[in-house]
Protein backbone atom coordinates (compact mmCIF):
# COMPACT_ATOMS: atom_id res chain seq x y z
CA UNK A 1 -10.50 6.14 -22.91
CA UNK A 2 -12.79 3.13 -23.24
CA UNK A 3 -14.95 2.07 -20.33
CA UNK A 4 -13.36 -1.38 -20.19
CA UNK A 5 -9.90 0.16 -19.88
CA UNK A 6 -11.17 2.54 -17.15
CA UNK A 7 -12.62 -0.32 -15.15
CA UNK A 8 -9.44 -2.34 -15.41
CA UNK A 9 -7.36 0.71 -14.42
CA UNK A 10 -9.65 1.29 -11.35
CA UNK A 11 -9.48 -2.34 -10.31
CA UNK A 12 -5.70 -2.28 -10.72
CA UNK A 13 -5.45 0.86 -8.58
CA UNK A 14 -7.55 -0.72 -5.79
CA UNK A 15 -5.51 -3.93 -5.87
CA UNK A 16 -2.19 -2.08 -5.94
CA UNK A 17 -3.30 0.12 -3.09
CA UNK A 18 -4.08 -2.99 -1.02
CA UNK A 19 -0.74 -4.44 -2.00
CA UNK A 20 1.00 -1.20 -1.08
CA UNK A 21 -0.62 -1.19 2.32
CA UNK A 22 0.31 -4.82 2.94
CA UNK A 23 3.92 -4.24 1.95
CA UNK A 24 4.09 -1.16 4.05
CA UNK A 25 2.93 -3.19 7.08
CA UNK A 26 5.48 -5.98 6.29
CA UNK A 27 8.38 -3.57 5.92
CA UNK A 28 7.32 -1.26 8.81
CA UNK A 29 10.20 -2.40 10.89
CA UNK A 30 12.80 -1.54 8.24
CA UNK A 31 11.10 1.79 7.32
CA UNK A 32 10.86 3.17 10.91
CA UNK A 33 13.75 1.83 12.79
CA UNK A 34 17.47 2.75 12.87
CA UNK A 35 19.36 5.90 12.16
CA UNK A 36 17.46 8.80 10.57
CA UNK A 37 19.45 8.68 7.33
CA UNK A 38 18.75 4.93 6.92
CA UNK A 39 15.04 5.64 7.56
CA UNK A 40 14.96 8.27 4.93
CA UNK A 41 16.86 6.11 2.44
CA UNK A 42 14.70 3.03 3.05
CA UNK A 43 11.54 5.09 2.80
CA UNK A 44 12.69 6.76 -0.42
CA UNK A 45 13.76 3.54 -2.06
CA UNK A 46 10.51 1.79 -1.04
CA UNK A 47 8.36 4.56 -2.40
CA UNK A 48 10.28 5.03 -5.66
CA UNK A 49 10.21 1.26 -6.36
CA UNK A 50 6.47 0.98 -5.78
CA UNK A 51 5.73 4.16 -7.78
CA UNK A 52 7.81 2.87 -10.69
CA UNK A 53 6.01 -0.44 -10.60
CA UNK A 54 2.62 1.28 -10.62
CA UNK A 55 3.51 3.53 -13.51
CA UNK A 56 5.04 0.65 -15.61
CA UNK A 57 1.92 -1.52 -15.16
CA UNK A 58 -0.30 1.46 -15.80
CA UNK A 59 1.65 2.04 -18.98
CA UNK A 60 0.93 -1.52 -20.09
CA UNK A 61 -2.84 -1.26 -19.19
CA UNK A 62 -3.83 2.10 -20.52
CA UNK A 63 -0.79 3.66 -22.18
CA UNK A 64 0.17 5.57 -19.07
CA UNK A 65 -2.87 7.74 -18.78
CA UNK A 66 -3.15 8.45 -15.11
CA UNK A 67 -6.25 10.16 -13.93
CA UNK A 68 -7.09 11.69 -10.52
CA UNK A 69 -9.69 9.03 -9.85
CA UNK A 70 -7.21 6.19 -10.27
CA UNK A 71 -4.91 7.84 -7.65
CA UNK A 72 -7.86 8.45 -5.33
CA UNK A 73 -8.82 4.78 -5.50
CA UNK A 74 -5.15 3.85 -4.82
CA UNK A 75 -4.95 6.14 -1.85
CA UNK A 76 -8.24 5.16 -0.26
CA UNK A 77 -7.55 1.43 -0.66
CA UNK A 78 -4.14 1.98 0.92
CA UNK A 79 -5.74 3.76 3.86
CA UNK A 80 -8.43 1.10 4.36
CA UNK A 81 -5.77 -1.60 4.27
CA UNK A 82 -3.68 0.20 6.89
CA UNK A 83 -6.75 0.66 9.19
CA UNK A 84 -7.74 -2.93 8.72
CA UNK A 85 -4.33 -4.30 9.54
CA UNK A 86 -3.96 -2.01 12.56
CA UNK A 87 -7.19 -3.42 13.97
CA UNK A 88 -5.92 -6.88 13.37
CA UNK A 89 -2.72 -6.07 15.20
CA UNK A 90 -4.62 -4.61 18.18
CA UNK A 91 -6.81 -7.71 18.39
CA UNK A 92 -3.84 -10.01 18.24
CA UNK A 93 -2.05 -8.05 20.96
CA UNK A 94 -5.25 -8.21 23.06
CA UNK A 95 -5.50 -12.00 22.58
CA UNK A 96 -1.86 -12.43 23.49
CA UNK A 97 -2.29 -10.35 26.63
CA UNK A 98 -5.42 -12.29 27.59
CA UNK A 99 -3.83 -15.73 26.97
CA UNK A 100 -1.03 -14.79 29.34
CA UNK A 101 -3.54 -14.01 32.12
CA UNK A 102 -5.16 -17.36 31.92
């Protein structure tokens, strides 16, 4: 695989990991609320949809050659996005609490 294709694939994995983290935070309410069978179904559909989108775009970029490094970049960018948005949520909750005290 050429260096240019590898760099594009790594950048795509990072961007998709960030997108995956943001979408997970947006749909958190739907993924973790309700009956257990609805939670399982929602989580399964959400995961399958995003995995299919990742593989289809990867197929267009580098003929579907998935390497471990691409998946690691995807995973770590997802984790960083989750940590970042959790810290934002905590600070927003703190500011809301503080504004009610004034």
